[in-house]
């Protein structure tokens, strides 16, 4: 709706991420099944550094283990 006005929007929904808060809420969960905070941060940085003429439809961040 606002692309013609130079506004870009990125929505990042990472799902479960291995954080202290997550560990506190789910103490028996295997951390290897979760994404790492650094991986989500990398996706954010990618979006911020993307060329203004580029368009990314989706970025999927999943645990790599």
Protein backbone atom coordinates (compact mmCIF):
# COMPACT_ATOMS: atom_id res chain seq x y z
CA UNK A 1 0.00 0.00 0.00
CA UNK A 2 2.77 2.45 0.82
CA UNK A 3 5.62 1.18 -1.35
CA UNK A 4 5.05 4.00 -3.86
CA UNK A 5 5.72 6.46 -1.02
CA UNK A 6 9.11 4.89 -0.27
CA UNK A 7 8.00 2.94 2.79
CA UNK A 8 9.36 -0.59 3.15
CA UNK A 9 7.96 -3.06 5.64
CA UNK A 10 9.52 -6.26 6.91
CA UNK A 11 7.75 -8.63 9.27
CA UNK A 12 9.95 -11.14 11.05
CA UNK A 13 8.18 -13.92 12.94
CA UNK A 14 10.98 -16.13 14.20
CA UNK A 15 9.01 -18.66 16.20
CA UNK A 16 10.74 -20.22 19.22
CA UNK A 17 14.22 -18.81 19.87
CA UNK A 18 16.77 -20.11 22.38
CA UNK A 19 16.72 -17.36 25.02
CA UNK A 20 16.77 -17.17 28.80
CA UNK A 21 13.06 -16.35 28.82
CA UNK A 22 12.30 -19.38 26.64
CA UNK A 23 14.40 -21.66 28.89
CA UNK A 24 12.52 -20.35 31.94
CA UNK A 25 9.14 -21.11 30.39
CA UNK A 26 10.10 -24.42 28.82
CA UNK A 27 12.92 -25.88 30.97
CA UNK A 28 12.71 -29.38 29.46
CA UNK A 29 12.81 -28.24 25.82
CA UNK A 30 15.82 -29.30 23.75
CA UNK A 31 17.69 -26.08 22.78
CA UNK A 32 18.93 -27.78 19.60
CA UNK A 33 15.37 -27.58 18.26
CA UNK A 34 15.30 -23.77 18.53
CA UNK A 35 16.65 -20.94 16.42
CA UNK A 36 19.47 -18.88 17.88
CA UNK A 37 19.08 -15.14 18.62
CA UNK A 38 22.03 -14.39 16.32
CA UNK A 39 20.21 -16.03 13.41
CA UNK A 40 17.20 -13.78 13.90
CA UNK A 41 19.48 -10.74 14.21
CA UNK A 42 21.15 -11.71 10.91
CA UNK A 43 17.74 -11.72 9.21
CA UNK A 44 17.02 -8.22 10.58
CA UNK A 45 20.39 -6.92 9.37
CA UNK A 46 19.80 -8.48 5.95
CA UNK A 47 16.51 -6.59 5.65
CA UNK A 48 18.09 -3.31 6.75
CA UNK A 49 20.97 -3.60 4.28
CA UNK A 50 18.91 -4.74 1.32
CA UNK A 51 18.98 -2.56 -1.78
CA UNK A 52 16.00 -0.19 -2.04
CA UNK A 53 15.15 -1.72 -5.40
CA UNK A 54 15.08 -5.29 -4.05
CA UNK A 55 12.03 -7.08 -2.71
CA UNK A 56 12.22 -10.11 -0.41
CA UNK A 57 8.98 -11.97 0.00
CA UNK A 58 10.00 -14.32 2.80
CA UNK A 59 12.96 -15.23 5.00
CA UNK A 60 12.70 -18.51 6.85
CA UNK A 61 14.88 -18.81 9.96
CA UNK A 62 15.15 -22.35 11.30
CA UNK A 63 17.56 -24.15 13.60
CA UNK A 64 20.48 -25.56 11.62
CA UNK A 65 21.34 -28.42 13.92
